[in-house]
N, C-alpha and C. Protein backbone atom coordinates (compact mmCIF):
# COMPACT_ATOMS: atom_id res chain seq x y z
N MET A 1 0.84 -1.20 -0.03
CA MET A 1 0.07 -0.01 0.03
C MET A 1 0.91 1.23 0.04
N THR A 2 1.93 1.30 0.74
CA THR A 2 2.75 2.45 0.97
C THR A 2 3.22 3.01 -0.48
N ASP A 3 3.71 1.97 -1.35
CA ASP A 3 4.20 2.40 -2.50
C ASP A 3 3.21 3.11 -3.47
N THR A 4 1.96 2.70 -3.30
CA THR A 4 0.82 3.26 -4.08
C THR A 4 0.37 4.57 -3.45
N VAL A 5 0.31 4.67 -2.17
CA VAL A 5 -0.23 5.86 -1.47
C VAL A 5 0.79 7.05 -1.37
N GLU A 6 2.10 6.74 -1.19
CA GLU A 6 3.04 7.80 -1.07
C GLU A 6 2.98 8.85 -2.27
N PRO A 7 2.89 8.49 -3.56
CA PRO A 7 2.85 9.54 -4.50
C PRO A 7 1.52 10.31 -4.52
N LEU A 8 0.46 9.60 -4.13
CA LEU A 8 -0.82 10.17 -3.99
C LEU A 8 -0.90 11.27 -2.89
N ILE A 9 -0.27 10.90 -1.79
CA ILE A 9 -0.19 11.89 -0.62
C ILE A 9 0.64 13.10 -1.16
N ALA A 10 1.72 12.90 -1.92
CA ALA A 10 2.44 14.02 -2.35
C ALA A 10 1.60 14.86 -3.26
N ASP A 11 0.89 14.19 -4.16
CA ASP A 11 -0.04 14.98 -4.97
C ASP A 11 -1.06 15.85 -4.22
N MET A 12 -1.67 15.24 -3.23
CA MET A 12 -2.64 15.93 -2.46
C MET A 12 -2.03 17.07 -1.70
N LEU A 13 -0.87 16.90 -1.09
CA LEU A 13 -0.27 17.94 -0.35
C LEU A 13 0.20 19.12 -1.32
N SER A 14 0.70 18.71 -2.43
CA SER A 14 1.04 19.82 -3.50
C SER A 14 -0.18 20.53 -3.95
N TRP A 15 -1.35 19.86 -4.02
CA TRP A 15 -2.55 20.58 -4.37
C TRP A 15 -3.06 21.52 -3.29
N ILE A 16 -2.99 21.15 -2.00
CA ILE A 16 -3.34 21.89 -0.81
C ILE A 16 -2.46 23.07 -0.71
N VAL A 17 -1.20 22.98 -0.91
CA VAL A 17 -0.25 24.11 -0.63
C VAL A 17 -0.34 25.21 -1.68
N LYS A 18 -0.84 24.88 -2.89
CA LYS A 18 -0.99 25.87 -3.92
C LYS A 18 -1.90 27.04 -3.47
N GLU A 19 -3.00 26.74 -2.79
CA GLU A 19 -3.86 27.83 -2.34
C GLU A 19 -4.77 27.34 -1.23
N GLU A 20 -5.32 28.17 -0.51
CA GLU A 20 -6.10 27.81 0.66
C GLU A 20 -7.27 26.92 0.22
N ARG A 21 -7.51 25.89 0.83
CA ARG A 21 -8.58 24.90 0.41
C ARG A 21 -9.52 24.67 1.56
N SER A 22 -10.77 24.79 1.32
CA SER A 22 -11.85 24.53 2.40
C SER A 22 -11.71 23.07 2.68
N TYR A 23 -12.20 22.77 4.00
CA TYR A 23 -12.34 21.35 4.41
C TYR A 23 -13.32 20.57 3.43
N ALA A 24 -14.47 21.20 3.04
CA ALA A 24 -15.32 20.61 2.18
C ALA A 24 -14.71 20.30 0.76
N GLU A 25 -14.01 21.27 0.25
CA GLU A 25 -13.29 21.02 -1.04
C GLU A 25 -12.25 19.86 -0.94
N VAL A 26 -11.55 19.79 0.13
CA VAL A 26 -10.59 18.74 0.21
C VAL A 26 -11.23 17.35 0.40
N MET A 27 -12.35 17.31 1.20
CA MET A 27 -13.02 16.15 1.35
C MET A 27 -13.71 15.65 0.07
N ASP A 28 -14.17 16.56 -0.70
CA ASP A 28 -14.79 16.22 -2.03
C ASP A 28 -13.79 15.69 -3.02
N ALA A 29 -12.63 16.22 -2.90
CA ALA A 29 -11.62 15.77 -3.95
C ALA A 29 -10.74 14.58 -3.52
N TRP A 30 -10.50 14.41 -2.13
CA TRP A 30 -9.50 13.40 -1.68
C TRP A 30 -10.11 12.27 -0.76
N ARG A 31 -11.22 12.43 -0.27
CA ARG A 31 -11.79 11.46 0.69
C ARG A 31 -12.20 10.23 -0.18
N THR A 32 -11.94 9.04 0.25
CA THR A 32 -12.41 7.91 -0.48
C THR A 32 -12.85 6.73 0.50
N SER A 33 -13.75 5.91 0.02
CA SER A 33 -14.04 4.90 0.83
C SER A 33 -13.33 3.53 0.46
N CYS A 34 -12.33 3.71 -0.44
CA CYS A 34 -11.52 2.68 -0.90
C CYS A 34 -10.50 2.34 0.10
N PRO A 35 -10.57 1.20 0.76
CA PRO A 35 -9.50 0.87 1.89
C PRO A 35 -8.04 0.66 1.23
N ARG A 36 -7.94 0.52 -0.10
CA ARG A 36 -6.60 0.48 -0.66
C ARG A 36 -5.94 1.79 -0.95
N LEU A 37 -6.72 2.81 -1.02
CA LEU A 37 -6.12 4.10 -1.31
C LEU A 37 -6.61 5.27 -0.34
N PRO A 38 -6.30 5.12 0.91
CA PRO A 38 -6.76 6.06 1.88
C PRO A 38 -5.86 7.27 2.01
N VAL A 39 -5.87 8.09 0.91
CA VAL A 39 -4.96 9.24 0.78
C VAL A 39 -5.21 10.29 1.89
N TRP A 40 -6.32 10.77 2.07
CA TRP A 40 -6.68 11.76 3.07
C TRP A 40 -6.48 11.15 4.43
N GLU A 41 -6.90 10.00 4.70
CA GLU A 41 -6.88 9.28 5.97
C GLU A 41 -5.46 9.12 6.39
N GLU A 42 -4.56 8.67 5.44
CA GLU A 42 -3.19 8.43 5.71
C GLU A 42 -2.45 9.61 5.99
N ALA A 43 -2.64 10.75 5.19
CA ALA A 43 -2.04 12.02 5.40
C ALA A 43 -2.40 12.62 6.73
N ASN A 44 -3.65 12.48 7.10
CA ASN A 44 -4.19 12.96 8.35
C ASN A 44 -3.45 12.20 9.51
N ALA A 45 -3.51 10.84 9.41
CA ALA A 45 -2.86 10.05 10.44
C ALA A 45 -1.40 10.38 10.73
N ARG A 46 -0.71 10.67 9.63
CA ARG A 46 0.61 11.05 9.68
C ARG A 46 0.99 12.41 10.21
N GLY A 47 -0.13 13.18 10.38
CA GLY A 47 -0.04 14.55 10.90
C GLY A 47 0.50 15.54 9.84
N PHE A 48 0.28 15.16 8.56
CA PHE A 48 0.69 16.10 7.48
C PHE A 48 -0.25 17.28 7.20
N VAL A 49 -1.48 17.19 7.67
CA VAL A 49 -2.47 18.16 7.39
C VAL A 49 -3.14 18.59 8.75
N ALA A 50 -3.70 19.84 8.71
CA ALA A 50 -4.37 20.29 9.85
C ALA A 50 -5.51 21.13 9.41
N ARG A 51 -6.57 21.02 10.25
CA ARG A 51 -7.82 21.77 10.02
C ARG A 51 -7.81 22.91 11.02
N ARG A 52 -8.23 24.12 10.44
CA ARG A 52 -8.33 25.30 11.37
C ARG A 52 -9.63 26.06 10.85
N VAL A 53 -10.04 27.01 11.70
CA VAL A 53 -11.20 27.86 11.30
C VAL A 53 -10.56 29.26 10.97
N LYS A 54 -10.93 29.66 9.80
CA LYS A 54 -10.61 31.08 9.26
C LYS A 54 -11.82 31.76 8.74
N ASP A 55 -12.10 32.86 9.31
CA ASP A 55 -13.35 33.63 8.91
C ASP A 55 -14.58 32.78 8.87
N GLY A 56 -14.69 32.00 9.89
CA GLY A 56 -15.92 31.20 10.19
C GLY A 56 -16.02 29.95 9.28
N ARG A 57 -15.04 29.59 8.58
CA ARG A 57 -15.06 28.29 7.81
C ARG A 57 -13.85 27.52 8.09
N ALA A 58 -13.97 26.19 7.84
CA ALA A 58 -12.94 25.29 8.07
C ALA A 58 -12.03 25.19 6.82
N VAL A 59 -10.79 25.31 7.04
CA VAL A 59 -9.75 25.25 5.93
C VAL A 59 -8.70 24.30 6.39
N ILE A 60 -8.15 23.76 5.34
CA ILE A 60 -7.00 22.71 5.52
C ILE A 60 -5.76 23.27 5.13
N GLY A 61 -4.73 23.18 5.87
CA GLY A 61 -3.26 23.50 5.57
C GLY A 61 -2.32 22.38 5.95
N LEU A 62 -1.02 22.56 5.54
CA LEU A 62 -0.07 21.56 5.83
C LEU A 62 0.58 21.89 7.21
N THR A 63 0.88 20.90 7.86
CA THR A 63 1.70 21.04 9.07
C THR A 63 3.21 21.09 8.68
N GLU A 64 4.09 21.39 9.64
CA GLU A 64 5.52 21.29 9.35
C GLU A 64 5.91 19.88 8.83
N ASP A 65 5.29 18.84 9.38
CA ASP A 65 5.64 17.48 8.95
C ASP A 65 5.21 17.30 7.48
N GLY A 66 4.00 17.86 7.10
CA GLY A 66 3.63 17.76 5.77
C GLY A 66 4.45 18.53 4.84
N ARG A 67 4.92 19.78 5.28
CA ARG A 67 5.87 20.50 4.44
C ARG A 67 7.16 19.72 4.14
N ARG A 68 7.61 19.12 5.29
CA ARG A 68 8.87 18.28 5.15
C ARG A 68 8.65 17.16 4.21
N PHE A 69 7.57 16.43 4.36
CA PHE A 69 7.28 15.29 3.47
C PHE A 69 7.28 15.77 1.93
N LEU A 70 6.59 16.93 1.78
CA LEU A 70 6.57 17.44 0.40
C LEU A 70 7.90 17.88 -0.17
N ALA A 71 8.79 18.45 0.73
CA ALA A 71 9.97 18.87 0.27
C ALA A 71 10.99 17.84 -0.04
N ARG A 72 10.78 16.64 0.44
CA ARG A 72 11.60 15.46 0.22
C ARG A 72 11.52 14.89 -1.25
N ASP A 73 10.40 15.16 -1.91
CA ASP A 73 10.15 14.67 -3.20
C ASP A 73 10.89 15.52 -4.26
C-alpha cells in the first residue's frame, strides 16, 4: 500500500499548498471509501495536514511534517 499511497499523498499535499482549500473542497476531492487508497486518511494520520477555522469556515493546511514530506520529493 505504501508504494501506491506515497505519490498520491504528495499530489494531495502539493494541491493543498498551492492555495487555501476549504475542508469541504478537500473532502470532495480526496476522501475515499476505498480501503486500498486512503490518501486523506493516511495524510491525516501521519500529521501532514491540519484543520483550522478562518473567517468562520474550516480550512485545511499543511503542518511542518507535511511540508517536510513534500520537500523530500
